[in-house]
Amino acid sequence: MAEPKLDGEEEVNAALTQWTRDFNAGKADAVCDLFSTDLKYDFRGYPERDYADICDRLKRSLSDSGRRYSYGLNIREVIVEGDMAVVRLTWTLTVTLPNGQTVTSVEPGMDVMRKGADGKWKIVRYIAYEAPGRVTSDE
């Protein structure tokens, strides 16, 4: 029996969820797959960045043997129109330091995604910022 076809919102949710799983599993070969090569993004007021920058940063994070990085995902809203989607979401990044201490950063933002000819949804633009108050835990 064929699997039911997903609608655009479900496809976007699935793409973001799969990326979260891949990142948290340390799959460095998969962490760039969610992003379009023509990506432009604004993060925490830094100068505009691109695909090469995010891929480098993500791969460096996963190869850092002294720290463990983990993302949590909270999708608040997905609006799909044709081959474009806008996603309001919050990423929660937890970094476990070599001493076992954890630092958590809550990053609300908005992603603009485009569905390619291959049927895959990729982020083409995003803005993100850090929510006030950084949480640190000794657990």
C-alpha atoms as a PDB file:
ATOM      1  CA  MET A   1       0.000   0.000   0.000  1.00  0.00           C
ATOM      2  CA  ALA A   2       1.366   3.447  -0.947  1.00  0.00           C
ATOM      3  CA  GLU A   3       2.037   5.963   1.791  1.00  0.00           C
ATOM      4  CA  PRO A   4      -0.451   8.849   1.897  1.00  0.00           C
ATOM      5  CA  LYS A   5       0.789  12.036   0.270  1.00  0.00           C
ATOM      6  CA  LEU A   6       1.655  14.795   2.731  1.00  0.00           C
ATOM      7  CA  ASP A   7       0.370  18.329   2.293  1.00  0.00           C
ATOM      8  CA  GLY A   8       2.782  21.286   2.259  1.00  0.00           C
ATOM      9  CA  GLU A   9       2.506  22.012   5.976  1.00  0.00           C
ATOM     10  CA  GLU A  10       3.192  18.372   6.852  1.00  0.00           C
ATOM     11  CA  GLU A  11       6.163  18.278   4.460  1.00  0.00           C
ATOM     12  CA  VAL A  12       7.657  21.409   6.029  1.00  0.00           C
ATOM     13  CA  ASN A  13       7.149  19.992   9.529  1.00  0.00           C
ATOM     14  CA  ALA A  14       8.744  16.714   8.451  1.00  0.00           C
ATOM     15  CA  ALA A  15      11.781  18.479   6.928  1.00  0.00           C
ATOM     16  CA  LEU A  16      12.410  20.536  10.078  1.00  0.00           C
ATOM     17  CA  THR A  17      11.864  17.535  12.360  1.00  0.00           C
ATOM     18  CA  GLN A  18      14.230  15.367  10.313  1.00  0.00           C
ATOM     19  CA  TRP A  19      16.915  18.056  10.428  1.00  0.00           C
ATOM     20  CA  THR A  20      16.575  18.212  14.219  1.00  0.00           C
ATOM     21  CA  ARG A  21      16.995  14.428  14.450  1.00  0.00           C
ATOM     22  CA  ASP A  22      20.006  14.481  12.115  1.00  0.00           C
ATOM     23  CA  PHE A  23      21.718  17.287  14.013  1.00  0.00           C
ATOM     24  CA  ASN A  24      21.091  15.704  17.399  1.00  0.00           C
ATOM     25  CA  ALA A  25      22.415  12.366  16.085  1.00  0.00           C
ATOM     26  CA  GLY A  26      25.625  14.135  15.010  1.00  0.00           C
ATOM     27  CA  LYS A  27      25.104  13.499  11.292  1.00  0.00           C
ATOM     28  CA  ALA A  28      27.499  16.144   9.979  1.00  0.00           C
ATOM     29  CA  ASP A  29      26.944  14.946   6.400  1.00  0.00           C
ATOM     30  CA  ALA A  30      23.235  15.858   6.656  1.00  0.00           C
ATOM     31  CA  VAL A  31      23.223  19.187   8.531  1.00  0.00           C
ATOM     32  CA  CYS A  32      23.440  21.360   5.416  1.00  0.00           C
ATOM     33  CA  ASP A  33      20.612  19.552   3.601  1.00  0.00           C
ATOM     34  CA  LEU A  34      17.869  21.775   5.020  1.00  0.00           C
ATOM     35  CA  PHE A  35      19.388  24.962   3.623  1.00  0.00           C
ATOM     36  CA  SER A  36      19.271  26.303   0.073  1.00  0.00           C
ATOM     37  CA  THR A  37      22.643  27.188  -1.416  1.00  0.00           C
ATOM     38  CA  ASP A  38      21.294  30.721  -1.963  1.00  0.00           C
ATOM     39  CA  LEU A  39      20.468  31.085   1.756  1.00  0.00           C
ATOM     40  CA  LYS A  40      20.701  34.523   3.372  1.00  0.00           C
ATOM     41  CA  TYR A  41      20.034  34.959   7.071  1.00  0.00           C
ATOM     42  CA  ASP A  42      20.150  37.415   9.939  1.00  0.00           C
ATOM     43  CA  PHE A  43      21.016  36.152  13.396  1.00  0.00           C
ATOM     44  CA  ARG A  44      21.144  38.169  16.634  1.00  0.00           C
ATOM     45  CA  GLY A  45      22.011  41.425  14.889  1.00  0.00           C
ATOM     46  CA  TYR A  46      25.213  40.115  13.274  1.00  0.00           C
ATOM     47  CA  PRO A  47      25.972  40.976   9.628  1.00  0.00           C
ATOM     48  CA  GLU A  48      24.020  38.991   7.044  1.00  0.00           C
ATOM     49  CA  ARG A  49      25.331  35.457   6.564  1.00  0.00           C
ATOM     50  CA  ASP A  50      24.989  32.739   3.917  1.00  0.00           C
ATOM     51  CA  TYR A  51      24.929  29.013   3.203  1.00  0.00           C
ATOM     52  CA  ALA A  52      28.698  28.472   3.477  1.00  0.00           C
ATOM     53  CA  ASP A  53      28.767  30.216   6.846  1.00  0.00           C
ATOM     54  CA  ILE A  54      25.970  28.171   8.425  1.00  0.00           C
ATOM     55  CA  CYS A  55      27.285  24.873   7.066  1.00  0.00           C
ATOM     56  CA  ASP A  56      30.742  25.600   8.416  1.00  0.00           C
ATOM     57  CA  ARG A  57      29.372  26.571  11.835  1.00  0.00           C
ATOM     58  CA  LEU A  58      27.112  23.523  12.102  1.00  0.00           C
ATOM     59  CA  LYS A  59      29.824  21.075  11.052  1.00  0.00           C
ATOM     60  CA  ARG A  60      32.329  22.669  13.460  1.00  0.00           C
ATOM     61  CA  SER A  61      29.819  22.349  16.300  1.00  0.00           C
ATOM     62  CA  LEU A  62      29.266  18.672  15.599  1.00  0.00           C
ATOM     63  CA  SER A  63      33.003  17.974  15.375  1.00  0.00           C
ATOM     64  CA  ASP A  64      33.749  19.688  18.700  1.00  0.00           C
ATOM     65  CA  SER A  65      34.717  16.752  20.926  1.00  0.00           C
ATOM     66  CA  GLY A  66      34.680  18.924  24.053  1.00  0.00           C
ATOM     67  CA  ARG A  67      31.059  20.013  23.820  1.00  0.00           C
ATOM     68  CA  ARG A  68      27.771  18.385  22.934  1.00  0.00           C
ATOM     69  CA  TYR A  69      25.172  20.397  21.027  1.00  0.00           C
ATOM     70  CA  SER A  70      21.477  19.535  20.906  1.00  0.00           C
ATOM     71  CA  TYR A  71      18.523  21.346  19.352  1.00  0.00           C
ATOM     72  CA  GLY A  72      14.887  21.314  20.394  1.00  0.00           C
ATOM     73  CA  LEU A  73      12.220  22.480  17.943  1.00  0.00           C
ATOM     74  CA  ASN A  74       8.901  24.204  18.588  1.00  0.00           C
ATOM     75  CA  ILE A  75       6.988  24.999  15.403  1.00  0.00           C
ATOM     76  CA  ARG A  76       4.426  27.670  16.189  1.00  0.00           C
ATOM     77  CA  GLU A  77       2.891  28.231  12.749  1.00  0.00           C
ATOM     78  CA  VAL A  78       3.366  27.158   9.150  1.00  0.00           C
ATOM     79  CA  ILE A  79       1.830  29.109   6.271  1.00  0.00           C
ATOM     80  CA  VAL A  80       2.183  27.493   2.843  1.00  0.00           C
ATOM     81  CA  GLU A  81       1.394  29.223  -0.444  1.00  0.00           C
ATOM     82  CA  GLY A  82       2.364  27.235  -3.518  1.00  0.00           C
ATOM     83  CA  ASP A  83       6.062  26.390  -3.375  1.00  0.00           C
ATOM     84  CA  MET A  84       6.807  28.879  -0.567  1.00  0.00           C
ATOM     85  CA  ALA A  85       6.284  28.544   3.177  1.00  0.00           C
ATOM     86  CA  VAL A  86       6.778  30.802   6.172  1.00  0.00           C
ATOM     87  CA  VAL A  87       7.441  29.147   9.520  1.00  0.00           C
ATOM     88  CA  ARG A  88       7.299  30.845  12.917  1.00  0.00           C
ATOM     89  CA  LEU A  89       9.307  28.726  15.303  1.00  0.00           C
ATOM     90  CA  THR A  90      11.596  28.568  18.275  1.00  0.00           C
ATOM     91  CA  TRP A  91      14.836  26.620  18.355  1.00  0.00           C
ATOM     92  CA  THR A  92      16.264  25.755  21.761  1.00  0.00           C
ATOM     93  CA  LEU A  93      19.983  25.035  21.698  1.00  0.00           C
ATOM     94  CA  THR A  94      21.514  23.202  24.636  1.00  0.00           C
ATOM     95  CA  VAL A  95      25.301  23.016  24.867  1.00  0.00           C
ATOM     96  CA  THR A  96      26.846  20.590  27.317  1.00  0.00           C
ATOM     97  CA  LEU A  97      30.297  21.806  28.322  1.00  0.00           C
ATOM     98  CA  PRO A  98      33.270  19.558  29.180  1.00  0.00           C
ATOM     99  CA  ASN A  99      32.584  20.043  32.926  1.00  0.00           C
ATOM    100  CA  GLY A 100      28.993  18.785  32.487  1.00  0.00           C
ATOM    101  CA  GLN A 101      27.432  22.223  32.855  1.00  0.00           C
ATOM    102  CA  THR A 102      24.734  23.044  30.301  1.00  0.00           C
ATOM    103  CA  VAL A 103      23.993  26.363  28.647  1.00  0.00           C
ATOM    104  CA  THR A 104      20.640  26.807  26.935  1.00  0.00           C
ATOM    105  CA  SER A 105      19.785  29.441  24.355  1.00  0.00           C
ATOM    106  CA  VAL A 106      16.194  30.017  23.225  1.00  0.00           C
ATOM    107  CA  GLU A 107      16.096  31.363  19.668  1.00  0.00           C
ATOM    108  CA  PRO A 108      12.692  32.478  18.299  1.00  0.00           C
ATOM    109  CA  GLY A 109      12.641  33.226  14.600  1.00  0.00           C
ATOM    110  CA  MET A 110      11.043  32.949  11.204  1.00  0.00           C
ATOM    111  CA  ASP A 111      12.114  30.721   8.321  1.00  0.00           C
ATOM    112  CA  VAL A 112      11.141  31.172   4.690  1.00  0.00           C
ATOM    113  CA  MET A 113      11.239  27.882   2.809  1.00  0.00           C
ATOM    114  CA  ARG A 114      10.940  27.012  -0.854  1.00  0.00           C
ATOM    115  CA  LYS A 115      10.012  23.647  -2.352  1.00  0.00           C
ATOM    116  CA  GLY A 116      12.475  22.678  -5.067  1.00  0.00           C
ATOM    117  CA  ALA A 117      11.913  20.720  -8.262  1.00  0.00           C
ATOM    118  CA  ASP A 118      13.154  17.668  -6.340  1.00  0.00           C
ATOM    119  CA  GLY A 119      10.200  18.024  -3.925  1.00  0.00           C
ATOM    120  CA  LYS A 120      12.379  18.978  -0.954  1.00  0.00           C
ATOM    121  CA  TRP A 121      11.686  22.000   1.228  1.00  0.00           C
ATOM    122  CA  LYS A 122      14.757  24.130   1.954  1.00  0.00           C
ATOM    123  CA  ILE A 123      15.279  27.268   3.999  1.00  0.00           C
ATOM    124  CA  VAL A 124      16.080  30.213   1.702  1.00  0.00           C
ATOM    125  CA  ARG A 125      15.865  33.010   4.300  1.00  0.00           C
ATOM    126  CA  TYR A 126      15.615  33.221   8.033  1.00  0.00           C
ATOM    127  CA  ILE A 127      15.821  35.620  10.905  1.00  0.00           C
ATOM    128  CA  ALA A 128      16.495  34.539  14.467  1.00  0.00           C
ATOM    129  CA  TYR A 129      17.325  36.215  17.709  1.00  0.00           C
ATOM    130  CA  GLU A 130      18.066  35.087  21.220  1.00  0.00           C
ATOM    131  CA  ALA A 131      15.226  35.438  23.702  1.00  0.00           C
ATOM    132  CA  PRO A 132      16.126  37.493  26.787  1.00  0.00           C
ATOM    133  CA  GLY A 133      17.743  35.589  29.618  1.00  0.00           C
ATOM    134  CA  ARG A 134      20.176  32.777  29.016  1.00  0.00           C
ATOM    135  CA  VAL A 135      19.550  29.672  31.112  1.00  0.00           C
ATOM    136  CA  THR A 136      22.490  27.870  32.680  1.00  0.00           C
ATOM    137  CA  SER A 137      22.172  24.597  34.531  1.00  0.00           C
ATOM    138  CA  ASP A 138      24.615  22.524  36.561  1.00  0.00           C
ATOM    139  CA  GLU A 139      22.777  19.241  35.936  1.00  0.00           C
END
